[in-house]
Amino acid sequence: MAQRISKSQKRKMQNPIIQFFKFLYLNIRILKIVAGGHGGTR
């Protein structure tokens, strides 16, 4: 982990609101994939 992280990137990573939205976005995508897959197979 010898990467250099800029201050703005560090702030984004530490920002809980951005983290929360990323988490929500991923959850919605996963739910869509799972729901779509199960709906298509049945």
Protein backbone atom coordinates (compact mmCIF):
# COMPACT_ATOMS: atom_id res chain seq x y z
CA MET A 1 0.00 0.00 0.00
CA ALA A 2 2.61 2.52 -1.07
CA GLN A 3 0.09 4.57 -3.02
CA ARG A 4 0.02 8.31 -2.49
CA ILE A 5 -3.46 9.47 -1.57
CA SER A 6 -4.32 13.12 -2.13
CA LYS A 7 -6.10 15.14 0.53
CA SER A 8 -9.33 15.31 -1.46
CA GLN A 9 -9.40 11.53 -1.94
CA LYS A 10 -8.70 11.00 1.74
CA ARG A 11 -11.53 13.37 2.67
CA LYS A 12 -13.89 11.50 0.33
CA MET A 13 -12.95 8.16 1.87
CA GLN A 14 -13.49 9.50 5.38
CA ASN A 15 -16.78 11.21 4.51
CA PRO A 16 -19.54 9.01 6.02
CA ILE A 17 -22.23 10.46 3.75
CA ILE A 18 -20.37 9.46 0.59
CA GLN A 19 -19.65 6.05 2.09
CA PHE A 20 -23.35 5.66 2.92
CA PHE A 21 -24.43 6.54 -0.62
CA LYS A 22 -21.87 4.14 -2.10
CA PHE A 23 -23.20 1.44 0.21
CA LEU A 24 -26.82 2.17 -0.77
CA TYR A 25 -25.92 2.22 -4.46
CA LEU A 26 -24.17 -1.15 -4.23
CA ASN A 27 -27.07 -2.64 -2.25
CA ILE A 28 -29.60 -1.49 -4.84
CA ARG A 29 -27.51 -2.92 -7.66
CA ILE A 30 -27.11 -6.25 -5.88
CA LEU A 31 -30.83 -6.40 -5.06
CA LYS A 32 -31.72 -5.66 -8.69
CA ILE A 33 -29.39 -8.40 -9.92
CA VAL A 34 -30.66 -10.93 -7.38
CA ALA A 35 -34.33 -10.05 -7.87
CA GLY A 36 -33.95 -10.03 -11.66
CA GLY A 37 -32.13 -13.37 -11.64
CA HIS A 38 -34.64 -15.10 -9.39
CA GLY A 39 -37.59 -13.58 -11.19
CA GLY A 40 -36.25 -14.75 -14.55
CA THR A 41 -35.58 -18.32 -13.43
CA ARG A 42 -39.05 -18.88 -11.98
